[in-house]
Amino acid sequence: MNETKSSSVYQIISFLLQYPNEQMVDVLPELKKEIQYIENKDVRNYLQQFMNTISRKSLDEWIQHYIECFDFEKTTNLYVTYLKLGEQRERGLQLLKLKNFYQSAGFDITDQELPDYLPLMLEFCANVAIEKSNELLQNHVQEIHEIKENLIKIKSWYIDVFQALLANMKQNGMKIIAKEKKELHSYAKEREIMKNRISWNIRQPKGGKIG
């Protein structure tokens, strides 16, 4: 996939991740045609699956599903720094860094949307060189992957959109590395050990030994 077509994919995904409305519905037939010409088979298939799904839904159903996924679910909202930092002060610093990153590339971000809003990030990626888009998305690949995993848990239609996004990122040379389960298992084991130590300390009398 050359740079122009890869950028087009980011633009398509940015569009599909925005709040559904009648104007989007009107554009869908033209968008289906454009998706047919995506060279990356995985990206094309994922997006076609999503298009097939929403074509069977009413606009009200689409809107309701969107709200349930991205407005009500904290683990699948589209503000990528929120997943990791929530409302912590560090998030404000990350947002400022993102805004400066856009500005350094010659783009001015309005105050209508936060700079970590994924559709906005992808719109930026659609208008810069692959090296620049990779630099931006590689810093947030874990969060994007985690959103996809959380969408799987709630059986969202948008799984296909995120699969397409990750496939396009991989095609552009990014490393898509999920958090290893063994690390999570090790952390859980550590907590269990600590819990047992705490329980032992609670049971142990002041004299030191039991019995």
C-alpha atoms as a PDB file:
ATOM      1  CA  MET A   1       0.000   0.000   0.000  1.00  0.00           C
ATOM      2  CA  ASN A   2       1.555   3.329  -0.991  1.00  0.00           C
ATOM      3  CA  GLU A   3       1.477   6.423   1.172  1.00  0.00           C
ATOM      4  CA  THR A   4      -1.502   8.041  -0.544  1.00  0.00           C
ATOM      5  CA  LYS A   5      -3.724   4.974  -0.120  1.00  0.00           C
ATOM      6  CA  SER A   6      -2.573   4.450   3.457  1.00  0.00           C
ATOM      7  CA  SER A   7      -3.501   8.045   4.239  1.00  0.00           C
ATOM      8  CA  SER A   8      -6.880   7.477   2.632  1.00  0.00           C
ATOM      9  CA  VAL A   9      -7.491   4.580   5.030  1.00  0.00           C
ATOM     10  CA  TYR A  10      -6.831   6.846   8.017  1.00  0.00           C
ATOM     11  CA  GLN A  11      -9.310   9.360   6.597  1.00  0.00           C
ATOM     12  CA  ILE A  12     -11.978   6.685   6.101  1.00  0.00           C
ATOM     13  CA  ILE A  13     -11.547   5.327   9.637  1.00  0.00           C
ATOM     14  CA  SER A  14     -11.576   8.827  11.087  1.00  0.00           C
ATOM     15  CA  PHE A  15     -14.887   9.412   9.323  1.00  0.00           C
ATOM     16  CA  LEU A  16     -16.408   6.124  10.513  1.00  0.00           C
ATOM     17  CA  LEU A  17     -15.465   6.793  14.130  1.00  0.00           C
ATOM     18  CA  GLN A  18     -17.379  10.058  14.255  1.00  0.00           C
ATOM     19  CA  TYR A  19     -20.869  10.410  15.666  1.00  0.00           C
ATOM     20  CA  PRO A  20     -23.344   8.921  13.151  1.00  0.00           C
ATOM     21  CA  ASN A  21     -25.755  11.280  11.376  1.00  0.00           C
ATOM     22  CA  GLU A  22     -27.820  11.500   8.207  1.00  0.00           C
ATOM     23  CA  GLN A  23     -24.958  13.053   6.244  1.00  0.00           C
ATOM     24  CA  MET A  24     -22.802  10.018   7.025  1.00  0.00           C
ATOM     25  CA  VAL A  25     -25.550   7.695   5.852  1.00  0.00           C
ATOM     26  CA  ASP A  26     -25.769   9.611   2.555  1.00  0.00           C
ATOM     27  CA  VAL A  27     -22.012   9.196   1.975  1.00  0.00           C
ATOM     28  CA  LEU A  28     -21.892   5.447   2.714  1.00  0.00           C
ATOM     29  CA  PRO A  29     -22.522   4.236  -0.900  1.00  0.00           C
ATOM     30  CA  GLU A  30     -19.586   6.317  -2.155  1.00  0.00           C
ATOM     31  CA  LEU A  31     -17.454   5.170   0.759  1.00  0.00           C
ATOM     32  CA  LYS A  32     -18.165   1.509  -0.060  1.00  0.00           C
ATOM     33  CA  LYS A  33     -16.799   2.063  -3.554  1.00  0.00           C
ATOM     34  CA  GLU A  34     -13.645   3.665  -2.206  1.00  0.00           C
ATOM     35  CA  ILE A  35     -13.055   0.811   0.241  1.00  0.00           C
ATOM     36  CA  GLN A  36     -13.097  -1.670  -2.653  1.00  0.00           C
ATOM     37  CA  TYR A  37      -9.857  -0.155  -3.952  1.00  0.00           C
ATOM     38  CA  ILE A  38      -7.863  -0.546  -0.732  1.00  0.00           C
ATOM     39  CA  GLU A  39      -4.935  -2.809  -1.594  1.00  0.00           C
ATOM     40  CA  ASN A  40      -4.381  -4.282   1.851  1.00  0.00           C
ATOM     41  CA  LYS A  41      -6.746  -7.249   1.921  1.00  0.00           C
ATOM     42  CA  ASP A  42      -7.132  -7.335   5.706  1.00  0.00           C
ATOM     43  CA  VAL A  43      -7.897  -3.627   5.949  1.00  0.00           C
ATOM     44  CA  ARG A  44     -10.369  -3.863   3.070  1.00  0.00           C
ATOM     45  CA  ASN A  45     -12.162  -6.910   4.482  1.00  0.00           C
ATOM     46  CA  TYR A  46     -12.506  -5.454   7.981  1.00  0.00           C
ATOM     47  CA  LEU A  47     -13.968  -2.208   6.657  1.00  0.00           C
ATOM     48  CA  GLN A  48     -16.317  -4.029   4.299  1.00  0.00           C
ATOM     49  CA  GLN A  49     -17.575  -6.140   7.206  1.00  0.00           C
ATOM     50  CA  PHE A  50     -18.311  -3.002   9.196  1.00  0.00           C
ATOM     51  CA  MET A  51     -20.059  -1.392   6.241  1.00  0.00           C
ATOM     52  CA  ASN A  52     -22.184  -4.506   5.763  1.00  0.00           C
ATOM     53  CA  THR A  53     -23.158  -4.411   9.437  1.00  0.00           C
ATOM     54  CA  ILE A  54     -24.255  -0.774   9.549  1.00  0.00           C
ATOM     55  CA  SER A  55     -26.080  -1.086   6.218  1.00  0.00           C
ATOM     56  CA  ARG A  56     -28.452  -3.496   7.982  1.00  0.00           C
ATOM     57  CA  LYS A  57     -29.093  -1.089  10.849  1.00  0.00           C
ATOM     58  CA  SER A  58     -31.268   1.988  11.110  1.00  0.00           C
ATOM     59  CA  LEU A  59     -29.640   5.318  11.912  1.00  0.00           C
ATOM     60  CA  ASP A  60     -31.222   5.241  15.378  1.00  0.00           C
ATOM     61  CA  GLU A  61     -29.735   1.802  16.035  1.00  0.00           C
ATOM     62  CA  TRP A  62     -26.343   2.979  14.831  1.00  0.00           C
ATOM     63  CA  ILE A  63     -26.447   6.055  17.052  1.00  0.00           C
ATOM     64  CA  GLN A  64     -27.520   4.028  20.077  1.00  0.00           C
ATOM     65  CA  HIS A  65     -24.702   1.547  19.582  1.00  0.00           C
ATOM     66  CA  TYR A  66     -22.188   4.364  19.145  1.00  0.00           C
ATOM     67  CA  ILE A  67     -23.303   6.018  22.383  1.00  0.00           C
ATOM     68  CA  GLU A  68     -23.126   2.725  24.294  1.00  0.00           C
ATOM     69  CA  CYS A  69     -19.587   2.073  23.039  1.00  0.00           C
ATOM     70  CA  PHE A  70     -17.926   5.454  23.122  1.00  0.00           C
ATOM     71  CA  ASP A  71     -19.957   7.678  25.448  1.00  0.00           C
ATOM     72  CA  PHE A  72     -21.000   5.327  28.255  1.00  0.00           C
ATOM     73  CA  GLU A  73     -18.028   2.923  28.312  1.00  0.00           C
ATOM     74  CA  LYS A  74     -14.923   4.425  29.926  1.00  0.00           C
ATOM     75  CA  THR A  75     -12.720   1.596  28.647  1.00  0.00           C
ATOM     76  CA  THR A  76     -13.718   2.153  25.018  1.00  0.00           C
ATOM     77  CA  ASN A  77     -14.024   5.919  24.740  1.00  0.00           C
ATOM     78  CA  LEU A  78     -12.133   7.554  21.867  1.00  0.00           C
ATOM     79  CA  TYR A  79      -9.893   9.797  23.977  1.00  0.00           C
ATOM     80  CA  VAL A  80      -6.781   7.656  23.940  1.00  0.00           C
ATOM     81  CA  THR A  81      -4.934   9.201  26.895  1.00  0.00           C
ATOM     82  CA  TYR A  82      -7.994   8.829  29.143  1.00  0.00           C
ATOM     83  CA  LEU A  83      -7.719   5.050  29.155  1.00  0.00           C
ATOM     84  CA  LYS A  84      -4.303   5.204  30.782  1.00  0.00           C
ATOM     85  CA  LEU A  85      -4.433   8.423  32.804  1.00  0.00           C
ATOM     86  CA  GLY A  86      -8.107   9.160  33.433  1.00  0.00           C
ATOM     87  CA  GLU A  87      -8.521  12.605  34.987  1.00  0.00           C
ATOM     88  CA  GLN A  88      -5.010  12.702  36.449  1.00  0.00           C
ATOM     89  CA  ARG A  89      -2.901  15.826  36.098  1.00  0.00           C
ATOM     90  CA  GLU A  90      -0.474  13.925  33.858  1.00  0.00           C
ATOM     91  CA  ARG A  91      -3.168  13.722  31.210  1.00  0.00           C
ATOM     92  CA  GLY A  92      -3.175  17.496  30.881  1.00  0.00           C
ATOM     93  CA  LEU A  93       0.546  17.362  30.133  1.00  0.00           C
ATOM     94  CA  GLN A  94       0.001  14.671  27.511  1.00  0.00           C
ATOM     95  CA  LEU A  95      -2.722  16.744  25.855  1.00  0.00           C
ATOM     96  CA  LEU A  96      -0.387  19.738  25.729  1.00  0.00           C
ATOM     97  CA  LYS A  97       2.361  17.599  24.170  1.00  0.00           C
ATOM     98  CA  LEU A  98      -0.074  16.386  21.515  1.00  0.00           C
ATOM     99  CA  LYS A  99      -1.181  19.928  20.705  1.00  0.00           C
ATOM    100  CA  ASN A 100       2.454  21.011  20.356  1.00  0.00           C
ATOM    101  CA  PHE A 101       3.137  17.983  18.147  1.00  0.00           C
ATOM    102  CA  TYR A 102       0.354  19.002  15.767  1.00  0.00           C
ATOM    103  CA  GLN A 103       1.517  22.592  15.710  1.00  0.00           C
ATOM    104  CA  SER A 104       5.114  21.579  14.987  1.00  0.00           C
ATOM    105  CA  ALA A 105       3.796  19.851  11.853  1.00  0.00           C
ATOM    106  CA  GLY A 106       1.971  23.003  10.785  1.00  0.00           C
ATOM    107  CA  PHE A 107      -1.513  22.095  12.004  1.00  0.00           C
ATOM    108  CA  ASP A 108      -3.636  24.262  14.287  1.00  0.00           C
ATOM    109  CA  ILE A 109      -6.054  22.400  16.541  1.00  0.00           C
ATOM    110  CA  THR A 110      -9.251  24.176  17.532  1.00  0.00           C
ATOM    111  CA  ASP A 111     -10.716  24.007  21.027  1.00  0.00           C
ATOM    112  CA  GLN A 112     -13.788  22.135  19.757  1.00  0.00           C
ATOM    113  CA  GLU A 113     -12.130  18.782  20.403  1.00  0.00           C
ATOM    114  CA  LEU A 114      -9.333  17.505  22.651  1.00  0.00           C
ATOM    115  CA  PRO A 115      -6.092  16.600  20.827  1.00  0.00           C
ATOM    116  CA  ASP A 116      -6.253  12.954  21.955  1.00  0.00           C
ATOM    117  CA  TYR A 117      -9.614  12.373  20.229  1.00  0.00           C
ATOM    118  CA  LEU A 118      -8.855   9.440  17.933  1.00  0.00           C
ATOM    119  CA  PRO A 119     -10.800  10.637  14.839  1.00  0.00           C
ATOM    120  CA  LEU A 120      -8.885  13.927  15.053  1.00  0.00           C
ATOM    121  CA  MET A 121      -5.572  12.080  15.370  1.00  0.00           C
ATOM    122  CA  LEU A 122      -6.394   9.972  12.314  1.00  0.00           C
ATOM    123  CA  GLU A 123      -7.407  13.021  10.314  1.00  0.00           C
ATOM    124  CA  PHE A 124      -3.982  14.453  11.111  1.00  0.00           C
ATOM    125  CA  CYS A 125      -2.354  11.168  10.029  1.00  0.00           C
ATOM    126  CA  ALA A 126      -4.221  11.317   6.716  1.00  0.00           C
ATOM    127  CA  ASN A 127      -2.557  14.634   5.913  1.00  0.00           C
ATOM    128  CA  VAL A 128       1.080  14.008   6.845  1.00  0.00           C
ATOM    129  CA  ALA A 129       3.873  11.679   5.742  1.00  0.00           C
ATOM    130  CA  ILE A 130       3.865   8.107   7.031  1.00  0.00           C
ATOM    131  CA  GLU A 131       6.906   8.822   9.201  1.00  0.00           C
ATOM    132  CA  LYS A 132       4.998  11.560  11.018  1.00  0.00           C
ATOM    133  CA  SER A 133       1.811   9.532  11.420  1.00  0.00           C
ATOM    134  CA  ASN A 134       3.836   6.572  12.690  1.00  0.00           C
ATOM    135  CA  GLU A 135       5.533   8.802  15.245  1.00  0.00           C
ATOM    136  CA  LEU A 136       2.150   9.883  16.586  1.00  0.00           C
ATOM    137  CA  LEU A 137       0.344   6.543  16.583  1.00  0.00           C
ATOM    138  CA  GLN A 138       3.260   4.454  17.851  1.00  0.00           C
ATOM    139  CA  ASN A 139       3.110   6.438  21.089  1.00  0.00           C
ATOM    140  CA  HIS A 140      -0.514   5.367  21.557  1.00  0.00           C
ATOM    141  CA  VAL A 141      -0.573   1.911  19.983  1.00  0.00           C
ATOM    142  CA  GLN A 142      -1.094   0.181  23.351  1.00  0.00           C
ATOM    143  CA  GLU A 143      -4.162   2.285  24.096  1.00  0.00           C
ATOM    144  CA  ILE A 144      -5.604   1.720  20.610  1.00  0.00           C
ATOM    145  CA  HIS A 145      -5.044  -2.016  20.948  1.00  0.00           C
ATOM    146  CA  GLU A 146      -6.635  -2.015  24.403  1.00  0.00           C
ATOM    147  CA  ILE A 147      -9.725  -0.197  23.114  1.00  0.00           C
ATOM    148  CA  LYS A 148     -10.038  -2.894  20.451  1.00  0.00           C
ATOM    149  CA  GLU A 149      -9.770  -5.649  23.068  1.00  0.00           C
ATOM    150  CA  ASN A 150     -12.412  -3.954  25.216  1.00  0.00           C
ATOM    151  CA  LEU A 151     -14.715  -3.625  22.197  1.00  0.00           C
ATOM    152  CA  ILE A 152     -14.408  -7.377  21.724  1.00  0.00           C
ATOM    153  CA  LYS A 153     -15.598  -7.896  25.304  1.00  0.00           C
ATOM    154  CA  ILE A 154     -18.778  -5.893  24.682  1.00  0.00           C
ATOM    155  CA  LYS A 155     -19.252  -7.433  21.204  1.00  0.00           C
ATOM    156  CA  SER A 156     -19.258  -4.092  19.413  1.00  0.00           C
ATOM    157  CA  TRP A 157     -19.652  -3.634  15.663  1.00  0.00           C
ATOM    158  CA  TYR A 158     -16.679  -1.274  15.831  1.00  0.00           C
ATOM    159  CA  ILE A 159     -14.250  -4.155  16.391  1.00  0.00           C
ATOM    160  CA  ASP A 160     -13.822  -4.346  12.605  1.00  0.00           C
ATOM    161  CA  VAL A 161     -12.928  -0.650  12.379  1.00  0.00           C
ATOM    162  CA  PHE A 162     -10.206  -1.010  14.993  1.00  0.00           C
ATOM    163  CA  GLN A 163      -8.949  -4.215  13.371  1.00  0.00           C
ATOM    164  CA  ALA A 164      -8.655  -2.271  10.121  1.00  0.00           C
ATOM    165  CA  LEU A 165      -6.833   0.561  11.876  1.00  0.00           C
ATOM    166  CA  LEU A 166      -4.313  -1.745  13.522  1.00  0.00           C
ATOM    167  CA  ALA A 167      -3.760  -3.626  10.255  1.00  0.00           C
ATOM    168  CA  ASN A 168      -3.073  -0.335   8.469  1.00  0.00           C
ATOM    169  CA  MET A 169      -0.671   0.751  11.207  1.00  0.00           C
ATOM    170  CA  LYS A 170       1.157  -2.557  10.939  1.00  0.00           C
ATOM    171  CA  GLN A 171       1.335  -2.186   7.157  1.00  0.00           C
ATOM    172  CA  ASN A 172       3.003   1.184   7.690  1.00  0.00           C
ATOM    173  CA  GLY A 173       5.754  -0.418   9.758  1.00  0.00           C
ATOM    174  CA  MET A 174       4.488   0.035  13.284  1.00  0.00           C
ATOM    175  CA  LYS A 175       4.947  -2.617  15.940  1.00  0.00           C
ATOM    176  CA  ILE A 176       1.635  -3.780  17.375  1.00  0.00           C
ATOM    177  CA  ILE A 177       2.612  -5.342  20.679  1.00  0.00           C
ATOM    178  CA  ALA A 178      -0.115  -6.310  23.112  1.00  0.00           C
ATOM    179  CA  LYS A 179       0.540  -6.495  26.824  1.00  0.00           C
ATOM    180  CA  GLU A 180       1.773  -9.966  27.576  1.00  0.00           C
ATOM    181  CA  LYS A 181      -0.591 -12.106  29.604  1.00  0.00           C
ATOM    182  CA  LYS A 182       2.278 -13.603  31.558  1.00  0.00           C
ATOM    183  CA  GLU A 183       3.086 -10.141  32.903  1.00  0.00           C
ATOM    184  CA  LEU A 184      -0.502  -9.774  34.107  1.00  0.00           C
ATOM    185  CA  HIS A 185      -0.342 -13.267  35.580  1.00  0.00           C
ATOM    186  CA  SER A 186       2.909 -12.420  37.365  1.00  0.00           C
ATOM    187  CA  TYR A 187       1.320  -9.277  38.805  1.00  0.00           C
ATOM    188  CA  ALA A 188      -1.694 -11.256  40.017  1.00  0.00           C
ATOM    189  CA  LYS A 189       0.628 -13.804  41.596  1.00  0.00           C
ATOM    190  CA  GLU A 190       2.521 -11.013  43.362  1.00  0.00           C
ATOM    191  CA  ARG A 191      -0.721  -9.671  44.794  1.00  0.00           C
ATOM    192  CA  GLU A 192      -1.670 -13.138  46.036  1.00  0.00           C
ATOM    193  CA  ILE A 193       1.684 -13.536  47.776  1.00  0.00           C
ATOM    194  CA  MET A 194       1.295 -10.118  49.398  1.00  0.00           C
ATOM    195  CA  LYS A 195      -2.237 -10.989  50.465  1.00  0.00           C
ATOM    196  CA  ASN A 196      -0.998 -14.168  52.165  1.00  0.00           C
ATOM    197  CA  ARG A 197       1.730 -12.207  53.944  1.00  0.00           C
ATOM    198  CA  ILE A 198      -0.817  -9.694  55.203  1.00  0.00           C
ATOM    199  CA  SER A 199      -3.124 -12.496  56.362  1.00  0.00           C
ATOM    200  CA  TRP A 200      -0.200 -14.152  58.174  1.00  0.00           C
ATOM    201  CA  ASN A 201       0.701 -10.903  59.918  1.00  0.00           C
ATOM    202  CA  ILE A 202      -2.900 -10.460  61.032  1.00  0.00           C
ATOM    203  CA  ARG A 203      -3.113 -13.982  62.435  1.00  0.00           C
ATOM    204  CA  GLN A 204       0.294 -13.848  64.130  1.00  0.00           C
ATOM    205  CA  PRO A 205       0.124 -12.905  67.849  1.00  0.00           C
ATOM    206  CA  LYS A 206       2.377 -10.264  69.380  1.00  0.00           C
ATOM    207  CA  GLY A 207       4.633 -12.928  70.876  1.00  0.00           C
ATOM    208  CA  GLY A 208       5.856 -13.897  67.421  1.00  0.00           C
ATOM    209  CA  LYS A 209       5.094 -17.617  67.070  1.00  0.00           C
ATOM    210  CA  ILE A 210       1.768 -19.361  67.171  1.00  0.00           C
ATOM    211  CA  GLY A 211       1.236 -22.171  69.644  1.00  0.00           C
END
